[in-house]
Amino acid sequence: MTISDHIEVLIIDDDQDVADAYQHLLEVAGYQTLTATDPLQALTLLHKEWPGVVITDMYMPGMNGKEVLQRIKSLDNTLPVILITGHGDIPMAVDALQNGAADFLQKPLQPAALITLLDKHLPKRKQLIEHRKRLRQTASDVLLGDSPLIVKLRHQIAAAESHDKDALIEGEAGTGRHTLARMLHSQTNMGKGPLIQLCGSKVARTSDLQRAMLNAREGSLCINHLPAMPTETQHWLCRFLLEQERLAKREVRVLAIIEGTAEQAVEKETLVPELFYFLSQARFVIPPLRQRASDITLLFRYFLEASCQKLNKPVPVVDKAYLNTLNRHTWQGNVLELRNVAELYAIGIVKLTGQERTKSLDQMSSPLDDLIDSYEKQVIEDALYLFGGRINEVSTYLQIPRKKLYLRMKKHNLDKADYKAG
């Protein structure tokens, strides 16, 4: 069982009378509270998305307040913890602040001081949890799919919350790397500033990067093909990022896009290791479509419906066999390739395995025999596309013997190998 979201304050104190006194005080002040005398039991109640504040005594048998703080911070580093200390425990309380405590109060407790702290930390916590929910919804709308890899990526984006750290985005072309960069830019205060795009291969000298940095002030600079930048320019960027970190003042957020993995680029000596270190503090890897095959049908239908809506036309029926063909395809172009296929399908063009054909009939300007031959070829091609060139299934689908099918294919110069997916 976990603590419900309507509870705003969790009070942990091994003395039941003291815990009850705190609870009475806060409930009179209008707070929804819950008490626990066993720290271990209290920790089992907490969850990462709880929008509340923890108040814990410093000295308790079995587990002290500092240990409670450490356990809570391992669950969610942003969850506010207020420590209640004795008069002589100031050094310990200061140490706890340095290790993530939100605040501390001395005994005897001053009710007004406690309420002031709750009024300070509780609204921030609720706002943060709402922000996380919005991020997850945004990520779900943009990074579609239910496969474990894409769900994990959405959780990682939500966990990034509102920090403005520089980020490394890895993945193959067509997976949505630039879409993710735009999302990361918009979710922080840097999103109020510009998002400047820069291609690393177009950077001939350090001054090119410096100009882009100037244009991106108070915003983000998205660098595509980062390893293509000159080594001396990468070293300059390292020094720039280090200076921002030292001053604790971020003028520009760098969002770097790398095709493949950063380790490969470091191994090839095209990416400076120090720069990799700075950027990898926030690292996002977008999986290729072939590693999330369970999302292919969902994505195809989504893109098809979106295209038909733009064209103001009804969504066509998609045969299950065609969806099977889509699922067998290797998708070297990833989500971008799938979206193109869906958009073409919406206007009546079937495209798979690098080939295409229109479904519309030719104009009625040919002799009847030629039109019949053309239609027969089109029907056989359809079936070959749908079943990836597998003759047994094509034969069953068209309800003609295999031998007769081969003869018709030979007549129309059709080769089953041309229609095999992947």
Protein backbone atom coordinates (compact mmCIF):
# COMPACT_ATOMS: atom_id res chain seq x y z
CA MET A 1 0.00 0.00 0.00
CA THR A 2 1.27 3.51 -0.83
CA ILE A 3 0.34 6.89 0.51
CA SER A 4 -2.55 8.51 -1.39
CA ASP A 5 -2.14 11.77 -3.27
CA HIS A 6 -4.64 13.65 -1.11
CA ILE A 7 -2.31 13.30 1.89
CA GLU A 8 -0.09 16.39 1.92
CA VAL A 9 2.20 15.71 4.89
CA LEU A 10 3.70 12.48 6.24
CA ILE A 11 4.88 12.79 9.87
CA ILE A 12 7.48 10.27 11.10
CA ASP A 13 8.17 10.19 14.84
CA ASP A 14 8.62 7.19 17.11
CA ASP A 15 6.70 8.97 19.89
CA GLN A 16 3.00 8.53 19.08
CA ASP A 17 1.96 11.42 21.35
CA VAL A 18 4.34 13.80 19.57
CA ALA A 19 3.21 12.59 16.14
CA ASP A 20 -0.44 13.06 17.15
CA ALA A 21 0.33 16.58 18.40
CA TYR A 22 1.96 17.49 15.06
CA GLN A 23 -0.97 15.99 13.18
CA HIS A 24 -3.55 17.92 15.22
CA LEU A 25 -1.64 21.16 14.68
CA LEU A 26 -1.43 20.71 10.92
CA GLU A 27 -5.01 19.52 10.46
CA VAL A 28 -6.26 22.61 12.32
CA ALA A 29 -4.15 24.60 9.81
CA GLY A 30 -5.94 22.81 6.96
CA TYR A 31 -3.38 20.17 5.93
CA GLN A 32 -4.22 16.53 5.17
CA THR A 33 -1.73 14.52 7.25
CA LEU A 34 -0.70 10.95 8.06
CA THR A 35 1.51 9.75 10.93
CA ALA A 36 3.91 6.82 11.26
CA THR A 37 5.94 5.77 14.29
CA ASP A 38 8.02 3.17 12.40
CA PRO A 39 10.43 4.75 9.86
CA LEU A 40 10.75 1.52 7.86
CA GLN A 41 6.97 1.22 7.53
CA ALA A 42 6.72 4.91 6.61
CA LEU A 43 9.22 4.45 3.76
CA THR A 44 7.11 1.67 2.26
CA LEU A 45 4.19 4.13 2.00
CA LEU A 46 6.07 6.63 -0.16
CA HIS A 47 6.15 6.64 -3.93
CA LYS A 48 8.00 8.74 -6.50
CA GLU A 49 4.93 10.68 -7.66
CA TRP A 50 3.60 11.58 -4.21
CA PRO A 51 2.96 15.37 -4.19
CA GLY A 52 3.65 15.90 -0.48
CA VAL A 53 6.25 16.73 2.17
CA VAL A 54 7.85 14.47 4.81
CA ILE A 55 8.47 15.69 8.37
CA THR A 56 10.76 13.38 10.34
CA ASP A 57 12.36 13.42 13.76
CA MET A 58 16.16 13.19 13.76
CA TYR A 59 16.56 10.66 16.60
CA MET A 60 14.57 7.42 16.39
CA PRO A 61 15.44 3.82 17.33
CA GLY A 62 16.42 1.58 14.45
CA MET A 63 16.73 4.33 11.87
CA ASN A 64 17.57 7.98 12.46
CA GLY A 65 16.37 10.96 10.45
CA LYS A 66 19.53 11.13 8.38
CA GLU A 67 19.07 7.53 7.24
CA VAL A 68 15.40 8.23 6.48
CA LEU A 69 16.54 11.19 4.36
CA GLN A 70 19.00 9.03 2.42
CA ARG A 71 16.36 6.40 1.71
CA ILE A 72 13.84 9.01 0.54
CA LYS A 73 16.41 10.70 -1.70
CA SER A 74 17.18 7.35 -3.35
CA LEU A 75 13.46 7.05 -4.13
CA ASP A 76 13.05 10.61 -5.41
CA ASN A 77 15.81 13.17 -5.01
CA THR A 78 13.30 16.04 -5.22
CA LEU A 79 10.92 14.91 -2.46
CA PRO A 80 11.08 17.57 0.34
CA VAL A 81 12.14 16.32 3.79
CA ILE A 82 11.96 18.59 6.86
CA LEU A 83 14.01 17.41 9.87
CA ILE A 84 13.05 18.05 13.50
CA THR A 85 16.18 18.28 15.67
CA GLY A 86 17.15 18.83 19.28
CA HIS A 87 18.93 21.98 20.41
CA GLY A 88 22.40 20.42 20.18
CA ASP A 89 21.91 18.82 16.78
CA ILE A 90 22.59 21.88 14.61
CA PRO A 91 25.80 20.50 13.00
CA MET A 92 23.97 17.29 12.10
CA ALA A 93 21.06 19.26 10.67
CA VAL A 94 23.41 21.41 8.57
CA ASP A 95 25.04 18.24 7.27
CA ALA A 96 21.59 16.90 6.38
CA LEU A 97 20.86 20.10 4.44
CA GLN A 98 24.03 19.55 2.44
CA ASN A 99 22.78 16.01 1.70
CA GLY A 100 19.41 17.06 0.38
CA ALA A 101 17.11 17.95 3.28
CA ALA A 102 14.70 20.74 2.42
CA ASP A 103 14.89 22.42 5.85
CA PHE A 104 15.12 21.75 9.59
CA LEU A 105 13.45 23.02 12.76
CA GLN A 106 14.59 22.84 16.36
CA LYS A 107 12.63 21.60 19.34
CA PRO A 108 10.52 22.89 20.95
CA LEU A 109 8.69 23.23 17.67
CA GLN A 110 7.23 26.62 16.74
CA PRO A 111 3.91 25.99 14.90
CA ALA A 112 4.18 29.16 12.82
CA ALA A 113 7.68 28.22 11.65
CA LEU A 114 6.54 24.73 10.59
CA ILE A 115 3.54 26.08 8.65
CA THR A 116 5.80 28.64 6.96
CA LEU A 117 8.07 25.84 5.73
CA LEU A 118 5.14 23.78 4.48
CA ASP A 119 3.74 26.81 2.67
CA LYS A 120 7.15 27.15 1.03
CA HIS A 121 7.84 23.55 0.00
CA LEU A 122 4.42 21.96 -0.56
CA PRO A 123 3.30 24.16 -3.51
CA LYS A 124 6.67 23.61 -5.21
CA ARG A 125 6.32 19.85 -4.80
CA LYS A 126 2.78 19.81 -6.20
CA GLN A 127 3.87 21.97 -9.13
CA LEU A 128 6.79 19.63 -9.85
CA ILE A 129 4.56 16.54 -9.89
CA GLU A 130 2.11 18.26 -12.23
CA HIS A 131 5.03 19.23 -14.46
CA ARG A 132 6.15 15.59 -14.57
CA LYS A 133 2.67 14.49 -15.59
CA ARG A 134 2.57 17.06 -18.39
CA LEU A 135 5.98 15.92 -19.59
CA ARG A 136 4.88 12.29 -19.69
CA GLN A 137 1.76 13.26 -21.62
CA THR A 138 3.79 15.34 -24.07
CA ALA A 139 6.27 12.51 -24.50
CA SER A 140 3.40 10.05 -25.05
CA ASP A 141 1.92 12.32 -27.72
CA VAL A 142 5.26 12.76 -29.51
CA LEU A 143 7.08 9.48 -28.82
CA LEU A 144 4.27 7.09 -29.64
CA GLY A 145 4.31 3.42 -28.75
CA ASP A 146 3.89 0.90 -25.96
CA SER A 147 7.12 -1.09 -26.36
CA PRO A 148 9.32 -1.32 -23.24
CA LEU A 149 12.17 0.70 -24.80
CA ILE A 150 9.99 3.67 -25.75
CA VAL A 151 8.14 3.59 -22.41
CA LYS A 152 11.52 3.65 -20.63
CA LEU A 153 12.59 6.64 -22.73
CA ARG A 154 9.40 8.55 -21.85
CA HIS A 155 10.01 7.91 -18.14
CA GLN A 156 13.59 9.15 -18.54
CA ILE A 157 12.36 12.36 -20.18
CA ALA A 158 9.85 12.92 -17.37
CA ALA A 159 12.54 12.24 -14.77
CA ALA A 160 14.69 14.96 -16.36
CA GLU A 161 12.01 17.35 -15.11
CA SER A 162 12.84 21.01 -15.44
CA HIS A 163 16.64 20.90 -15.22
CA ASP A 164 18.55 22.65 -17.97
CA LYS A 165 21.56 20.33 -18.21
CA ASP A 166 23.29 19.88 -21.53
CA ALA A 167 22.16 16.65 -23.17
CA LEU A 168 23.39 13.97 -25.51
CA ILE A 169 20.84 12.45 -27.91
CA GLU A 170 21.86 9.22 -29.65
CA GLY A 171 20.13 7.14 -32.28
CA GLU A 172 19.84 6.34 -35.95
CA ALA A 173 18.55 8.80 -38.52
CA GLY A 174 14.77 8.91 -38.69
CA THR A 175 14.16 7.82 -35.07
CA GLY A 176 13.02 11.25 -33.89
CA ARG A 177 16.21 12.77 -32.51
CA HIS A 178 15.36 16.34 -33.53
CA THR A 179 11.84 15.91 -32.18
CA LEU A 180 13.31 14.91 -28.83
CA ALA A 181 15.69 17.89 -28.92
CA ARG A 182 12.75 20.27 -29.43
CA MET A 183 10.91 18.60 -26.53
CA LEU A 184 13.90 18.89 -24.19
CA HIS A 185 14.31 22.54 -25.16
CA SER A 186 10.68 23.43 -24.51
CA GLN A 187 10.39 21.74 -21.10
CA THR A 188 12.73 24.14 -19.26
CA ASN A 189 13.07 27.88 -18.77
CA MET A 190 15.51 27.83 -21.68
CA GLY A 191 12.47 27.07 -23.82
CA LYS A 192 11.52 30.74 -23.58
CA GLY A 193 14.65 31.51 -25.60
CA PRO A 194 15.60 30.48 -29.15
CA LEU A 195 16.39 26.98 -30.38
CA ILE A 196 19.25 27.31 -32.87
CA GLN A 197 20.14 24.41 -35.17
CA LEU A 198 23.77 23.81 -36.19
CA CYS A 199 25.28 21.01 -38.28
CA GLY A 200 28.71 19.95 -37.03
CA SER A 201 29.95 19.25 -40.56
CA LYS A 202 29.29 22.90 -41.47
CA VAL A 203 31.54 24.16 -38.66
CA ALA A 204 34.87 24.94 -40.31
CA ARG A 205 36.36 26.96 -37.45
CA THR A 206 35.63 27.76 -33.81
CA SER A 207 34.24 31.18 -34.72
CA ASP A 208 31.35 29.43 -36.53
CA LEU A 209 30.33 27.75 -33.27
CA GLN A 210 30.83 30.97 -31.30
CA ARG A 211 28.44 32.84 -33.59
CA ALA A 212 25.83 30.12 -33.19
CA MET A 213 26.29 30.27 -29.40
CA LEU A 214 25.71 34.01 -29.48
CA ASN A 215 22.45 33.52 -31.42
CA ALA A 216 21.34 30.85 -28.93
CA ARG A 217 21.87 32.95 -25.79
CA GLU A 218 19.22 32.26 -23.12
CA GLY A 219 18.06 29.33 -25.24
CA SER A 220 19.40 26.07 -26.68
CA LEU A 221 21.88 25.16 -29.39
CA CYS A 222 21.11 21.85 -31.11
CA ILE A 223 24.28 20.48 -32.73
CA ASN A 224 23.73 17.70 -35.24
CA HIS A 225 26.69 15.48 -36.25
CA LEU A 226 28.73 16.72 -33.29
CA PRO A 227 31.79 14.49 -34.02
CA ALA A 228 32.13 16.21 -37.43
CA MET A 229 33.23 19.43 -35.71
CA PRO A 230 36.99 20.15 -35.69
CA THR A 231 38.80 18.83 -32.62
CA GLU A 232 39.98 22.29 -31.56
CA THR A 233 36.37 23.51 -31.71
CA GLN A 234 35.24 20.61 -29.53
CA HIS A 235 37.93 21.56 -26.99
CA TRP A 236 36.68 25.14 -27.01
CA LEU A 237 33.14 23.87 -26.36
CA CYS A 238 34.49 21.86 -23.40
CA ARG A 239 35.99 24.99 -21.89
CA PHE A 240 32.75 26.92 -22.48
CA LEU A 241 30.68 24.25 -20.73
CA LEU A 242 33.16 24.02 -17.86
CA GLU A 243 33.02 27.79 -17.34
CA GLN A 244 29.20 27.69 -17.27
CA GLU A 245 29.38 24.94 -14.65
CA ARG A 246 31.87 26.85 -12.50
CA LEU A 247 29.83 30.04 -12.61
CA ALA A 248 26.57 28.10 -12.07
CA LYS A 249 25.10 30.32 -14.76
CA ARG A 250 23.79 28.80 -17.97
CA GLU A 251 23.79 31.13 -20.96
CA VAL A 252 23.27 28.40 -23.58
CA ARG A 253 22.03 24.84 -23.28
CA VAL A 254 23.73 22.42 -25.68
CA LEU A 255 21.70 19.56 -27.13
CA ALA A 256 24.07 17.33 -29.10
CA ILE A 257 22.86 14.75 -31.62
CA ILE A 258 25.05 11.78 -32.53
CA GLU A 259 24.25 9.04 -35.02
CA GLY A 260 25.09 5.68 -33.47
CA THR A 261 26.71 5.77 -30.03
CA ALA A 262 29.02 8.32 -28.44
CA GLU A 263 31.41 5.55 -27.34
CA GLN A 264 31.95 4.62 -30.98
CA ALA A 265 32.77 8.24 -31.81
CA VAL A 266 35.21 8.45 -28.88
CA GLU A 267 36.84 5.20 -29.98
CA LYS A 268 37.25 6.55 -33.52
CA GLU A 269 38.72 9.72 -32.00
CA THR A 270 36.13 11.92 -33.69
CA LEU A 271 34.58 12.94 -30.35
CA VAL A 272 36.73 14.51 -27.63
CA PRO A 273 36.37 12.37 -24.44
CA GLU A 274 36.03 15.44 -22.19
CA LEU A 275 33.13 16.70 -24.28
CA PHE A 276 31.48 13.30 -24.07
CA TYR A 277 31.83 13.49 -20.27
CA PHE A 278 30.12 16.89 -20.06
CA LEU A 279 27.25 15.94 -22.34
CA SER A 280 26.60 12.43 -21.02
CA GLN A 281 25.30 13.73 -17.69
CA ALA A 282 21.91 13.78 -19.43
CA ARG A 283 21.88 11.07 -22.06
CA PHE A 284 18.96 9.89 -24.19
CA VAL A 285 19.12 6.91 -26.55
CA ILE A 286 16.26 6.55 -29.05
CA PRO A 287 15.80 2.93 -30.16
CA PRO A 288 15.55 2.08 -33.88
CA LEU A 289 12.14 0.97 -35.10
CA ARG A 290 13.30 -2.62 -35.64
CA GLN A 291 13.90 -2.88 -31.86
CA ARG A 292 10.34 -1.77 -31.11
CA ALA A 293 8.48 -3.80 -33.73
CA SER A 294 5.37 -4.01 -31.53
CA ASP A 295 4.85 -0.28 -32.19
CA ILE A 296 4.83 -0.52 -36.00
CA THR A 297 1.10 -1.13 -36.46
CA LEU A 298 0.18 1.57 -33.93
CA LEU A 299 2.48 4.11 -35.61
CA PHE A 300 1.28 3.25 -39.12
CA ARG A 301 -2.37 3.67 -38.18
CA TYR A 302 -1.61 6.94 -36.36
CA PHE A 303 0.25 8.43 -39.34
CA LEU A 304 -2.38 7.11 -41.77
CA GLU A 305 -5.26 8.67 -39.81
CA ALA A 306 -3.36 11.96 -39.45
CA SER A 307 -2.70 12.07 -43.21
CA CYS A 308 -6.31 11.28 -44.09
CA GLN A 309 -7.48 13.98 -41.71
CA LYS A 310 -5.26 16.52 -43.47
CA LEU A 311 -6.56 15.34 -46.86
CA ASN A 312 -10.16 15.38 -45.61
CA LYS A 313 -10.76 11.83 -46.82
CA PRO A 314 -11.92 8.64 -45.10
CA VAL A 315 -9.35 6.31 -43.60
CA PRO A 316 -8.95 3.29 -45.89
CA VAL A 317 -9.29 -0.25 -44.59
CA VAL A 318 -5.87 -1.84 -44.02
CA ASP A 319 -5.72 -5.57 -44.61
CA LYS A 320 -4.11 -7.61 -41.83
CA ALA A 321 -1.80 -9.21 -44.36
CA TYR A 322 -0.45 -5.79 -45.31
CA LEU A 323 0.17 -4.97 -41.65
CA ASN A 324 2.06 -8.24 -41.36
CA THR A 325 4.22 -7.15 -44.28
CA LEU A 326 4.90 -3.85 -42.54
CA ASN A 327 5.92 -5.70 -39.38
CA ARG A 328 8.38 -7.86 -41.32
CA HIS A 329 10.09 -4.89 -42.95
CA THR A 330 13.50 -3.84 -41.52
CA TRP A 331 12.79 -0.07 -41.61
CA GLN A 332 16.28 1.27 -42.22
CA GLY A 333 14.74 4.75 -42.31
CA ASN A 334 13.02 4.12 -38.95
CA VAL A 335 9.91 6.10 -37.95
CA LEU A 336 10.46 8.66 -40.70
CA GLU A 337 10.29 5.93 -43.35
CA LEU A 338 7.15 4.45 -41.79
CA ARG A 339 5.47 7.85 -41.72
CA ASN A 340 6.27 8.35 -45.43
CA VAL A 341 4.79 4.94 -46.23
CA ALA A 342 1.61 5.78 -44.30
CA GLU A 343 1.27 9.18 -46.01
CA LEU A 344 1.64 7.58 -49.44
CA TYR A 345 -0.89 4.90 -48.51
CA ALA A 346 -3.36 7.65 -47.63
CA ILE A 347 -3.24 8.97 -51.21
CA GLY A 348 -3.47 5.53 -52.77
CA ILE A 349 0.17 4.54 -53.20
CA VAL A 350 1.50 1.29 -51.77
CA LYS A 351 5.20 1.52 -50.99
CA LEU A 352 7.27 -1.26 -49.45
CA THR A 353 10.79 -2.60 -49.74
CA GLY A 354 11.86 0.41 -51.76
CA GLN A 355 9.27 -0.02 -54.51
CA GLU A 356 5.98 1.70 -55.22
CA ARG A 357 2.98 1.57 -57.48
CA THR A 358 -0.21 3.59 -57.74
CA LYS A 359 -3.56 1.95 -57.10
CA SER A 360 -5.51 4.24 -59.42
CA LEU A 361 -6.66 2.86 -62.78
CA ASP A 362 -5.12 4.07 -66.01
CA GLN A 363 -7.21 6.37 -68.12
CA MET A 364 -9.62 4.51 -70.41
CA SER A 365 -7.53 4.99 -73.52
CA SER A 366 -6.23 1.46 -74.08
CA PRO A 367 -7.86 -1.55 -75.77
CA LEU A 368 -9.94 -3.76 -73.48
CA ASP A 369 -7.43 -6.65 -73.55
CA ASP A 370 -4.64 -4.33 -72.48
CA LEU A 371 -6.77 -2.95 -69.64
CA ILE A 372 -7.58 -6.49 -68.48
CA ASP A 373 -3.90 -7.48 -68.57
CA SER A 374 -2.98 -4.35 -66.65
CA TYR A 375 -5.61 -5.03 -64.03
CA GLU A 376 -4.51 -8.67 -63.67
CA LYS A 377 -0.90 -7.59 -63.18
CA GLN A 378 -1.99 -5.06 -60.60
CA VAL A 379 -3.99 -7.65 -58.62
CA ILE A 380 -1.08 -10.11 -58.57
CA GLU A 381 1.32 -7.33 -57.55
CA ASP A 382 -1.00 -6.37 -54.70
CA ALA A 383 -0.97 -9.91 -53.38
CA LEU A 384 2.81 -10.21 -53.77
CA TYR A 385 3.26 -7.00 -51.76
CA LEU A 386 0.80 -8.09 -49.10
CA PHE A 387 2.44 -11.47 -48.52
CA GLY A 388 6.07 -10.49 -49.07
CA GLY A 389 6.42 -12.63 -52.19
CA ARG A 390 5.42 -15.90 -50.47
CA ILE A 391 3.84 -17.85 -53.32
CA ASN A 392 1.84 -20.33 -51.21
CA GLU A 393 0.00 -17.50 -49.44
CA VAL A 394 -0.45 -15.49 -52.65
CA SER A 395 -1.87 -18.55 -54.38
CA THR A 396 -4.34 -19.16 -51.53
CA TYR A 397 -5.31 -15.49 -51.39
CA LEU A 398 -5.99 -15.29 -55.16
CA GLN A 399 -7.58 -18.78 -55.18
CA ILE A 400 -5.55 -20.04 -58.12
CA PRO A 401 -3.09 -22.99 -58.33
CA ARG A 402 0.61 -22.24 -57.80
CA LYS A 403 1.49 -23.38 -61.34
CA LYS A 404 -1.11 -21.07 -62.88
CA LEU A 405 0.12 -18.21 -60.67
CA TYR A 406 3.71 -18.72 -61.83
CA LEU A 407 2.55 -18.64 -65.46
CA ARG A 408 0.69 -15.36 -64.92
CA MET A 409 3.70 -13.89 -63.12
CA LYS A 410 5.98 -14.90 -65.97
CA LYS A 411 3.54 -13.31 -68.44
CA HIS A 412 3.76 -10.00 -66.57
CA ASN A 413 7.50 -10.26 -65.83
CA LEU A 414 6.94 -10.44 -62.06
CA ASP A 415 9.59 -11.97 -59.78
CA LYS A 416 8.62 -12.94 -56.22
CA ALA A 417 12.08 -11.94 -54.98
CA ASP A 418 11.28 -8.30 -55.76
CA TYR A 419 8.50 -8.28 -53.20
CA LYS A 420 10.18 -9.89 -50.22
CA ALA A 421 10.18 -7.53 -47.26
CA GLY A 422 13.58 -6.47 -45.98
